[in-house]
Amino acid sequence: MAEALIELKGVSKAFGKNVVLDAVDLTIYRGEALAIIGPSGTGKSTILRIIAGLTAPDSGEIYVQGQQRRGLIEDAQDPIGIGMVFQQAALFDSLTVDQNIGFLLYEHSRLSRRRIRELVVKRLEMVGLADVSDRYPSELSGGMRKRVSFARAIMSNPDNPRDTPEVLLYDEPTAGLDPVASTVIEDLVRQLQCVEGGCGTYVMVTHQQSTIHRTADRVVFLYQGKVQWEDSVQAIDTTDNPLIRQFFSGNVNGPLQVTG
């Protein structure tokens, strides 16, 4: 049976009177590719930030490799590394690609600049961008910036193996990309799951059907603060669940409430 790396038990989160997560239970297993889907505004990005330790839940428990997390990631280190790829890449515009990817090592390690640069180049090669280390984010296309953010997320510190991410969290990695660029990113997500130095377990938030079908093994459907459905990605095409049928057909008529 697959090992449970991250467990959310009864996790709730509200912003003012808006309850976005309502006693959610979720388990992420080692080696799986999990997609969290659902209408806009249903807490998908919030649940990623909670998993990453960037946002605290109002109630509920979070376990990372069996160890309960108390507080945020800045309060105590998790037993495994968790990396996050933000929707808009979130690169520092004033820093070069090399400085962006190696930022934490430049700031918080004792490695030499030459060694860090070697590690940066290796990660860039893994995402197919070996020759852009001296460029600035403004000099890159949207797809290239996404790939740079992937390289940063899988950056590791050889002096501290606990910093190496074992789980990657992707927040809408193909949003705003054309179909060809989206395919490149989807292929890269799968590639990084398999290669040495990549990350074998990931959670993806996405709306795009091609991304769901090409990058996920298991799918969780989040709506009205709760997990309403979960199954394999293949079950999307055969399920009779009315929420799933409406979501993937784009029909405005059905149990999903249209908010905009």
C-alpha atoms as a PDB file:
ATOM      1  CA  MET A   1       0.000   0.000   0.000  1.00  0.00           C
ATOM      2  CA  ALA A   2       1.329   3.442  -0.952  1.00  0.00           C
ATOM      3  CA  GLU A   3       2.789   5.588   1.818  1.00  0.00           C
ATOM      4  CA  ALA A   4       0.740   8.604   2.901  1.00  0.00           C
ATOM      5  CA  LEU A   5       3.073  11.611   2.680  1.00  0.00           C
ATOM      6  CA  ILE A   6       0.601  14.375   3.551  1.00  0.00           C
ATOM      7  CA  GLU A   7      -2.758  14.093   5.309  1.00  0.00           C
ATOM      8  CA  LEU A   8      -5.368  16.780   5.901  1.00  0.00           C
ATOM      9  CA  LYS A   9      -7.948  15.860   8.519  1.00  0.00           C
ATOM     10  CA  GLY A  10     -11.038  18.019   8.993  1.00  0.00           C
ATOM     11  CA  VAL A  11      -9.301  21.110   7.596  1.00  0.00           C
ATOM     12  CA  SER A  12     -11.446  24.255   7.435  1.00  0.00           C
ATOM     13  CA  LYS A  13     -10.629  27.779   6.283  1.00  0.00           C
ATOM     14  CA  ALA A  14     -12.747  30.910   5.977  1.00  0.00           C
ATOM     15  CA  PHE A  15     -12.007  34.432   4.851  1.00  0.00           C
ATOM     16  CA  GLY A  16     -14.490  36.587   6.684  1.00  0.00           C
ATOM     17  CA  LYS A  17     -17.896  35.025   6.139  1.00  0.00           C
ATOM     18  CA  ASN A  18     -16.718  33.131   3.055  1.00  0.00           C
ATOM     19  CA  VAL A  19     -16.033  29.496   3.993  1.00  0.00           C
ATOM     20  CA  VAL A  20     -13.700  28.105   1.323  1.00  0.00           C
ATOM     21  CA  LEU A  21     -12.794  24.796   3.003  1.00  0.00           C
ATOM     22  CA  ASP A  22     -15.253  22.946   5.219  1.00  0.00           C
ATOM     23  CA  ALA A  23     -13.816  19.991   7.189  1.00  0.00           C
ATOM     24  CA  VAL A  24     -11.818  18.657   4.210  1.00  0.00           C
ATOM     25  CA  ASP A  25     -10.075  15.288   4.435  1.00  0.00           C
ATOM     26  CA  LEU A  26      -7.353  14.652   1.863  1.00  0.00           C
ATOM     27  CA  THR A  27      -4.443  12.229   1.605  1.00  0.00           C
ATOM     28  CA  ILE A  28      -1.502  12.557  -0.778  1.00  0.00           C
ATOM     29  CA  TYR A  29       0.405   9.337  -1.411  1.00  0.00           C
ATOM     30  CA  ARG A  30       4.026   8.882  -2.360  1.00  0.00           C
ATOM     31  CA  GLY A  31       4.560   8.664  -6.116  1.00  0.00           C
ATOM     32  CA  GLU A  32       1.099   9.834  -7.146  1.00  0.00           C
ATOM     33  CA  ALA A  33       0.026  12.620  -9.489  1.00  0.00           C
ATOM     34  CA  LEU A  34      -3.023  14.256  -7.958  1.00  0.00           C
ATOM     35  CA  ALA A  35      -5.168  16.933  -9.591  1.00  0.00           C
ATOM     36  CA  ILE A  36      -7.479  19.131  -7.529  1.00  0.00           C
ATOM     37  CA  ILE A  37     -10.211  20.550  -9.728  1.00  0.00           C
ATOM     38  CA  GLY A  38     -13.443  22.487  -9.343  1.00  0.00           C
ATOM     39  CA  PRO A  39     -15.060  25.837 -10.173  1.00  0.00           C
ATOM     40  CA  SER A  40     -13.233  29.108  -9.535  1.00  0.00           C
ATOM     41  CA  GLY A  41     -13.269  30.356  -5.976  1.00  0.00           C
ATOM     42  CA  THR A  42     -13.741  26.967  -4.329  1.00  0.00           C
ATOM     43  CA  GLY A  43     -10.530  26.935  -2.298  1.00  0.00           C
ATOM     44  CA  LYS A  44      -8.187  25.013  -4.611  1.00  0.00           C
ATOM     45  CA  SER A  45      -5.269  27.441  -4.321  1.00  0.00           C
ATOM     46  CA  THR A  46      -5.979  27.854  -0.602  1.00  0.00           C
ATOM     47  CA  ILE A  47      -5.605  24.127  -0.033  1.00  0.00           C
ATOM     48  CA  LEU A  48      -2.236  24.193  -1.837  1.00  0.00           C
ATOM     49  CA  ARG A  49      -1.035  27.033   0.383  1.00  0.00           C
ATOM     50  CA  ILE A  50      -2.161  25.117   3.468  1.00  0.00           C
ATOM     51  CA  ILE A  51      -0.318  21.994   2.284  1.00  0.00           C
ATOM     52  CA  ALA A  52       2.795  24.113   1.657  1.00  0.00           C
ATOM     53  CA  GLY A  53       2.610  25.597   5.149  1.00  0.00           C
ATOM     54  CA  LEU A  54       2.137  29.130   3.840  1.00  0.00           C
ATOM     55  CA  THR A  55      -1.411  29.508   5.198  1.00  0.00           C
ATOM     56  CA  ALA A  56      -2.738  28.149   8.471  1.00  0.00           C
ATOM     57  CA  PRO A  57      -6.139  26.432   8.596  1.00  0.00           C
ATOM     58  CA  ASP A  58      -8.756  27.698  11.019  1.00  0.00           C
ATOM     59  CA  SER A  59      -9.283  24.165  12.298  1.00  0.00           C
ATOM     60  CA  GLY A  60      -8.253  20.612  11.519  1.00  0.00           C
ATOM     61  CA  GLU A  61      -4.954  18.764  11.492  1.00  0.00           C
ATOM     62  CA  ILE A  62      -2.125  18.422   8.971  1.00  0.00           C
ATOM     63  CA  TYR A  63       0.313  15.521   9.021  1.00  0.00           C
ATOM     64  CA  VAL A  64       3.494  15.393   6.968  1.00  0.00           C
ATOM     65  CA  GLN A  65       4.976  11.891   6.808  1.00  0.00           C
ATOM     66  CA  GLY A  66       3.072  11.041   9.995  1.00  0.00           C
ATOM     67  CA  GLN A  67       4.290  14.091  11.904  1.00  0.00           C
ATOM     68  CA  GLN A  68       1.690  16.686  12.858  1.00  0.00           C
ATOM     69  CA  ARG A  69       2.508  20.176  11.652  1.00  0.00           C
ATOM     70  CA  ARG A  70       1.953  22.923  14.177  1.00  0.00           C
ATOM     71  CA  GLY A  71       1.943  26.459  12.832  1.00  0.00           C
ATOM     72  CA  LEU A  72       3.417  27.466   9.483  1.00  0.00           C
ATOM     73  CA  ILE A  73       6.459  26.195   7.622  1.00  0.00           C
ATOM     74  CA  GLU A  74       8.502  29.072   9.073  1.00  0.00           C
ATOM     75  CA  ASP A  75       7.762  27.836  12.594  1.00  0.00           C
ATOM     76  CA  ALA A  76       9.258  24.348  12.188  1.00  0.00           C
ATOM     77  CA  GLN A  77      10.725  22.374   9.311  1.00  0.00           C
ATOM     78  CA  ASP A  78       8.651  19.545   7.861  1.00  0.00           C
ATOM     79  CA  PRO A  79      10.231  16.067   7.762  1.00  0.00           C
ATOM     80  CA  ILE A  80      10.154  16.232   3.949  1.00  0.00           C
ATOM     81  CA  GLY A  81      10.633  19.104   1.524  1.00  0.00           C
ATOM     82  CA  ILE A  82       7.559  20.578  -0.205  1.00  0.00           C
ATOM     83  CA  GLY A  83       8.082  22.830  -3.240  1.00  0.00           C
ATOM     84  CA  MET A  84       5.500  25.108  -4.840  1.00  0.00           C
ATOM     85  CA  VAL A  85       5.136  26.462  -8.379  1.00  0.00           C
ATOM     86  CA  PHE A  86       2.965  29.571  -8.286  1.00  0.00           C
ATOM     87  CA  GLN A  87       0.440  30.451 -10.978  1.00  0.00           C
ATOM     88  CA  GLN A  88       2.286  33.546 -12.224  1.00  0.00           C
ATOM     89  CA  ALA A  89       5.775  32.001 -11.795  1.00  0.00           C
ATOM     90  CA  ALA A  90       6.505  34.592  -9.028  1.00  0.00           C
ATOM     91  CA  LEU A  91      10.038  35.342 -10.206  1.00  0.00           C
ATOM     92  CA  PHE A  92      12.000  38.349  -8.970  1.00  0.00           C
ATOM     93  CA  ASP A  93      12.082  40.738 -11.941  1.00  0.00           C
ATOM     94  CA  SER A  94      15.278  42.449 -10.779  1.00  0.00           C
ATOM     95  CA  LEU A  95      17.233  39.183 -10.522  1.00  0.00           C
ATOM     96  CA  THR A  96      18.647  37.020 -13.285  1.00  0.00           C
ATOM     97  CA  VAL A  97      17.383  33.495 -13.889  1.00  0.00           C
ATOM     98  CA  ASP A  98      20.481  32.176 -12.092  1.00  0.00           C
ATOM     99  CA  GLN A  99      19.799  34.383  -9.079  1.00  0.00           C
ATOM    100  CA  ASN A 100      16.114  33.436  -9.030  1.00  0.00           C
ATOM    101  CA  ILE A 101      16.697  29.691  -9.109  1.00  0.00           C
ATOM    102  CA  GLY A 102      19.603  29.756  -6.677  1.00  0.00           C
ATOM    103  CA  PHE A 103      18.095  32.421  -4.415  1.00  0.00           C
ATOM    104  CA  LEU A 104      17.760  30.344  -1.238  1.00  0.00           C
ATOM    105  CA  LEU A 105      21.209  28.806  -1.669  1.00  0.00           C
ATOM    106  CA  TYR A 106      22.837  32.183  -2.302  1.00  0.00           C
ATOM    107  CA  GLU A 107      21.120  33.602   0.785  1.00  0.00           C
ATOM    108  CA  HIS A 108      21.101  30.705   3.227  1.00  0.00           C
ATOM    109  CA  SER A 109      23.830  28.186   2.366  1.00  0.00           C
ATOM    110  CA  ARG A 110      27.590  28.032   2.644  1.00  0.00           C
ATOM    111  CA  LEU A 111      28.037  26.756  -0.888  1.00  0.00           C
ATOM    112  CA  SER A 112      30.360  28.694  -3.158  1.00  0.00           C
ATOM    113  CA  ARG A 113      28.832  30.817  -5.934  1.00  0.00           C
ATOM    114  CA  ARG A 114      30.494  28.538  -8.470  1.00  0.00           C
ATOM    115  CA  ARG A 115      28.883  25.437  -6.923  1.00  0.00           C
ATOM    116  CA  ILE A 116      25.456  27.093  -6.767  1.00  0.00           C
ATOM    117  CA  ARG A 117      25.740  28.142 -10.390  1.00  0.00           C
ATOM    118  CA  GLU A 118      26.568  24.532 -11.338  1.00  0.00           C
ATOM    119  CA  LEU A 119      23.434  23.352  -9.523  1.00  0.00           C
ATOM    120  CA  VAL A 120      21.361  26.043 -11.255  1.00  0.00           C
ATOM    121  CA  VAL A 121      22.609  24.995 -14.683  1.00  0.00           C
ATOM    122  CA  LYS A 122      21.789  21.365 -13.921  1.00  0.00           C
ATOM    123  CA  ARG A 123      18.208  22.291 -13.004  1.00  0.00           C
ATOM    124  CA  LEU A 124      17.884  24.468 -16.105  1.00  0.00           C
ATOM    125  CA  GLU A 125      19.020  21.562 -18.248  1.00  0.00           C
ATOM    126  CA  MET A 126      16.303  19.435 -16.651  1.00  0.00           C
ATOM    127  CA  VAL A 127      13.640  21.918 -17.817  1.00  0.00           C
ATOM    128  CA  GLY A 128      15.187  22.419 -21.258  1.00  0.00           C
ATOM    129  CA  LEU A 129      16.595  25.921 -20.700  1.00  0.00           C
ATOM    130  CA  ALA A 130      20.320  25.406 -20.358  1.00  0.00           C
ATOM    131  CA  ASP A 131      21.360  28.757 -21.870  1.00  0.00           C
ATOM    132  CA  VAL A 132      19.188  31.348 -20.105  1.00  0.00           C
ATOM    133  CA  SER A 133      20.848  31.657 -16.693  1.00  0.00           C
ATOM    134  CA  ASP A 134      22.042  35.239 -17.322  1.00  0.00           C
ATOM    135  CA  ARG A 135      18.735  36.527 -18.679  1.00  0.00           C
ATOM    136  CA  TYR A 136      16.106  38.427 -16.727  1.00  0.00           C
ATOM    137  CA  PRO A 137      12.472  37.222 -16.457  1.00  0.00           C
ATOM    138  CA  SER A 138      11.326  40.063 -18.745  1.00  0.00           C
ATOM    139  CA  GLU A 139      13.462  38.570 -21.516  1.00  0.00           C
ATOM    140  CA  LEU A 140      11.625  35.225 -21.379  1.00  0.00           C
ATOM    141  CA  SER A 141       8.317  34.055 -22.813  1.00  0.00           C
ATOM    142  CA  GLY A 142       5.476  33.048 -20.493  1.00  0.00           C
ATOM    143  CA  GLY A 143       6.219  29.365 -20.999  1.00  0.00           C
ATOM    144  CA  MET A 144       9.911  29.870 -20.312  1.00  0.00           C
ATOM    145  CA  ARG A 145       9.155  31.727 -17.087  1.00  0.00           C
ATOM    146  CA  LYS A 146       6.987  28.789 -16.006  1.00  0.00           C
ATOM    147  CA  ARG A 147       9.857  26.403 -16.665  1.00  0.00           C
ATOM    148  CA  VAL A 148      12.259  28.597 -14.692  1.00  0.00           C
ATOM    149  CA  SER A 149       9.824  28.457 -11.771  1.00  0.00           C
ATOM    150  CA  PHE A 150       9.859  24.654 -12.079  1.00  0.00           C
ATOM    151  CA  ALA A 151      13.651  24.660 -11.909  1.00  0.00           C
ATOM    152  CA  ARG A 152      13.530  26.814  -8.785  1.00  0.00           C
ATOM    153  CA  ALA A 153      10.961  24.519  -7.148  1.00  0.00           C
ATOM    154  CA  ILE A 154      13.167  21.427  -7.555  1.00  0.00           C
ATOM    155  CA  MET A 155      16.371  23.151  -6.444  1.00  0.00           C
ATOM    156  CA  SER A 156      18.116  21.223  -3.687  1.00  0.00           C
ATOM    157  CA  ASN A 157      20.906  21.835  -1.229  1.00  0.00           C
ATOM    158  CA  PRO A 158      23.451  18.976  -1.290  1.00  0.00           C
ATOM    159  CA  ASP A 159      24.598  20.026   2.199  1.00  0.00           C
ATOM    160  CA  ASN A 160      21.086  19.549   3.589  1.00  0.00           C
ATOM    161  CA  PRO A 161      19.131  16.720   1.914  1.00  0.00           C
ATOM    162  CA  ARG A 162      16.000  17.625   3.920  1.00  0.00           C
ATOM    163  CA  ASP A 163      15.706  20.741   1.745  1.00  0.00           C
ATOM    164  CA  THR A 164      15.216  18.580  -1.342  1.00  0.00           C
ATOM    165  CA  PRO A 165      11.498  18.650  -2.262  1.00  0.00           C
ATOM    166  CA  GLU A 166       9.731  15.291  -2.267  1.00  0.00           C
ATOM    167  CA  VAL A 167       6.364  16.834  -3.112  1.00  0.00           C
ATOM    168  CA  LEU A 168       5.678  19.555  -5.687  1.00  0.00           C
ATOM    169  CA  LEU A 169       2.573  21.722  -5.659  1.00  0.00           C
ATOM    170  CA  TYR A 170       1.536  23.255  -9.001  1.00  0.00           C
ATOM    171  CA  ASP A 171      -0.981  26.120  -9.015  1.00  0.00           C
ATOM    172  CA  GLU A 172      -2.474  26.395 -12.542  1.00  0.00           C
ATOM    173  CA  PRO A 173       0.865  25.777 -14.335  1.00  0.00           C
ATOM    174  CA  THR A 174      -0.665  26.027 -17.830  1.00  0.00           C
ATOM    175  CA  ALA A 175      -2.904  29.052 -17.193  1.00  0.00           C
ATOM    176  CA  GLY A 176      -2.539  31.699 -19.883  1.00  0.00           C
ATOM    177  CA  LEU A 177      -0.463  29.528 -22.207  1.00  0.00           C
ATOM    178  CA  ASP A 178      -1.336  28.606 -25.784  1.00  0.00           C
ATOM    179  CA  PRO A 179      -2.042  24.915 -26.535  1.00  0.00           C
ATOM    180  CA  VAL A 180       1.485  24.172 -27.737  1.00  0.00           C
ATOM    181  CA  ALA A 181       3.147  25.838 -24.744  1.00  0.00           C
ATOM    182  CA  SER A 182       0.686  24.033 -22.461  1.00  0.00           C
ATOM    183  CA  THR A 183       1.705  20.680 -23.947  1.00  0.00           C
ATOM    184  CA  VAL A 184       5.376  21.497 -23.308  1.00  0.00           C
ATOM    185  CA  ILE A 185       4.597  22.242 -19.656  1.00  0.00           C
ATOM    186  CA  GLU A 186       2.413  19.134 -19.278  1.00  0.00           C
ATOM    187  CA  ASP A 187       5.170  16.939 -20.690  1.00  0.00           C
ATOM    188  CA  LEU A 188       7.694  18.592 -18.369  1.00  0.00           C
ATOM    189  CA  VAL A 189       5.532  17.939 -15.306  1.00  0.00           C
ATOM    190  CA  ARG A 190       5.488  14.221 -16.115  1.00  0.00           C
ATOM    191  CA  GLN A 191       9.190  14.206 -16.986  1.00  0.00           C
ATOM    192  CA  LEU A 192      10.145  15.769 -13.655  1.00  0.00           C
ATOM    193  CA  GLN A 193       8.179  13.037 -11.894  1.00  0.00           C
ATOM    194  CA  CYS A 194      10.472  10.389 -13.360  1.00  0.00           C
ATOM    195  CA  VAL A 195      13.977  11.835 -13.615  1.00  0.00           C
ATOM    196  CA  GLU A 196      16.597  11.729 -10.881  1.00  0.00           C
ATOM    197  CA  GLY A 197      16.628  15.056  -9.080  1.00  0.00           C
ATOM    198  CA  GLY A 198      13.006  15.706 -10.036  1.00  0.00           C
ATOM    199  CA  CYS A 199      10.048  15.122  -7.783  1.00  0.00           C
ATOM    200  CA  GLY A 200       8.080  11.878  -7.789  1.00  0.00           C
ATOM    201  CA  THR A 201       4.933  13.161  -6.070  1.00  0.00           C
ATOM    202  CA  TYR A 202       2.897  16.186  -7.046  1.00  0.00           C
ATOM    203  CA  VAL A 203      -0.416  17.937  -6.561  1.00  0.00           C
ATOM    204  CA  MET A 204      -1.810  20.055  -9.373  1.00  0.00           C
ATOM    205  CA  VAL A 205      -4.578  22.658  -9.359  1.00  0.00           C
ATOM    206  CA  THR A 206      -5.891  23.228 -12.872  1.00  0.00           C
ATOM    207  CA  HIS A 207      -8.993  23.976 -14.933  1.00  0.00           C
ATOM    208  CA  GLN A 208      -7.670  22.829 -18.301  1.00  0.00           C
ATOM    209  CA  GLN A 209      -8.968  19.492 -19.542  1.00  0.00           C
ATOM    210  CA  SER A 210      -5.789  18.592 -21.421  1.00  0.00           C
ATOM    211  CA  THR A 211      -3.688  19.258 -18.314  1.00  0.00           C
ATOM    212  CA  ILE A 212      -5.990  17.148 -16.138  1.00  0.00           C
ATOM    213  CA  HIS A 213      -5.960  14.198 -18.554  1.00  0.00           C
ATOM    214  CA  ARG A 214      -2.243  14.358 -19.358  1.00  0.00           C
ATOM    215  CA  THR A 215      -0.754  14.997 -15.924  1.00  0.00           C
ATOM    216  CA  ALA A 216      -3.067  13.387 -13.334  1.00  0.00           C
ATOM    217  CA  ASP A 217      -3.523   9.840 -12.084  1.00  0.00           C
ATOM    218  CA  ARG A 218      -6.119  10.679  -9.421  1.00  0.00           C
ATOM    219  CA  VAL A 219      -8.600  13.553  -9.383  1.00  0.00           C
ATOM    220  CA  VAL A 220     -10.303  15.309  -6.471  1.00  0.00           C
ATOM    221  CA  PHE A 221     -13.275  17.590  -7.190  1.00  0.00           C
ATOM    222  CA  LEU A 222     -13.666  20.442  -4.711  1.00  0.00           C
ATOM    223  CA  TYR A 223     -16.923  22.393  -4.507  1.00  0.00           C
ATOM    224  CA  GLN A 224     -18.671  24.390  -1.795  1.00  0.00           C
ATOM    225  CA  GLY A 225     -15.766  23.775   0.539  1.00  0.00           C
ATOM    226  CA  LYS A 226     -15.920  19.987   0.404  1.00  0.00           C
ATOM    227  CA  VAL A 227     -14.481  17.104  -1.607  1.00  0.00           C
ATOM    228  CA  GLN A 228     -17.519  16.111  -3.697  1.00  0.00           C
ATOM    229  CA  TRP A 229     -15.892  13.397  -5.828  1.00  0.00           C
ATOM    230  CA  GLU A 230     -12.583  11.598  -6.208  1.00  0.00           C
ATOM    231  CA  ASP A 231     -11.471   8.843  -8.538  1.00  0.00           C
ATOM    232  CA  SER A 232      -8.938   7.987 -11.214  1.00  0.00           C
ATOM    233  CA  VAL A 233      -8.546  10.337 -14.166  1.00  0.00           C
ATOM    234  CA  GLN A 234      -9.993   7.621 -16.424  1.00  0.00           C
ATOM    235  CA  ALA A 235     -13.226   7.663 -14.403  1.00  0.00           C
ATOM    236  CA  ILE A 236     -13.938  11.222 -15.578  1.00  0.00           C
ATOM    237  CA  ASP A 237     -15.198   9.857 -18.895  1.00  0.00           C
ATOM    238  CA  THR A 238     -17.502   7.244 -17.368  1.00  0.00           C
ATOM    239  CA  THR A 239     -18.837   8.724 -14.128  1.00  0.00           C
ATOM    240  CA  ASP A 240     -22.509   9.617 -13.766  1.00  0.00           C
ATOM    241  CA  ASN A 241     -21.743  12.238 -11.119  1.00  0.00           C
ATOM    242  CA  PRO A 242     -23.734  15.320 -12.248  1.00  0.00           C
ATOM    243  CA  LEU A 243     -21.116  17.771 -10.925  1.00  0.00           C
ATOM    244  CA  ILE A 244     -18.365  16.167 -12.990  1.00  0.00           C
ATOM    245  CA  ARG A 245     -20.551  15.852 -16.067  1.00  0.00           C
ATOM    246  CA  GLN A 246     -21.494  19.545 -15.932  1.00  0.00           C
ATOM    247  CA  PHE A 247     -17.957  20.729 -15.122  1.00  0.00           C
ATOM    248  CA  PHE A 248     -16.410  19.012 -18.111  1.00  0.00           C
ATOM    249  CA  SER A 249     -19.244  19.762 -20.533  1.00  0.00           C
ATOM    250  CA  GLY A 250     -19.308  23.457 -19.673  1.00  0.00           C
ATOM    251  CA  ASN A 251     -23.107  23.363 -19.476  1.00  0.00           C
ATOM    252  CA  VAL A 252     -24.584  26.299 -17.509  1.00  0.00           C
ATOM    253  CA  ASN A 253     -27.537  24.131 -16.465  1.00  0.00           C
ATOM    254  CA  GLY A 254     -26.955  21.706 -13.616  1.00  0.00           C
ATOM    255  CA  PRO A 255     -26.061  21.464  -9.928  1.00  0.00           C
ATOM    256  CA  LEU A 256     -22.977  23.722 -10.242  1.00  0.00           C
ATOM    257  CA  GLN A 257     -23.956  27.290  -9.460  1.00  0.00           C
ATOM    258  CA  VAL A 258     -22.720  29.763 -12.078  1.00  0.00           C
ATOM    259  CA  THR A 259     -21.123  32.731 -10.308  1.00  0.00           C
ATOM    260  CA  GLY A 260     -19.925  34.851 -13.177  1.00  0.00           C
END
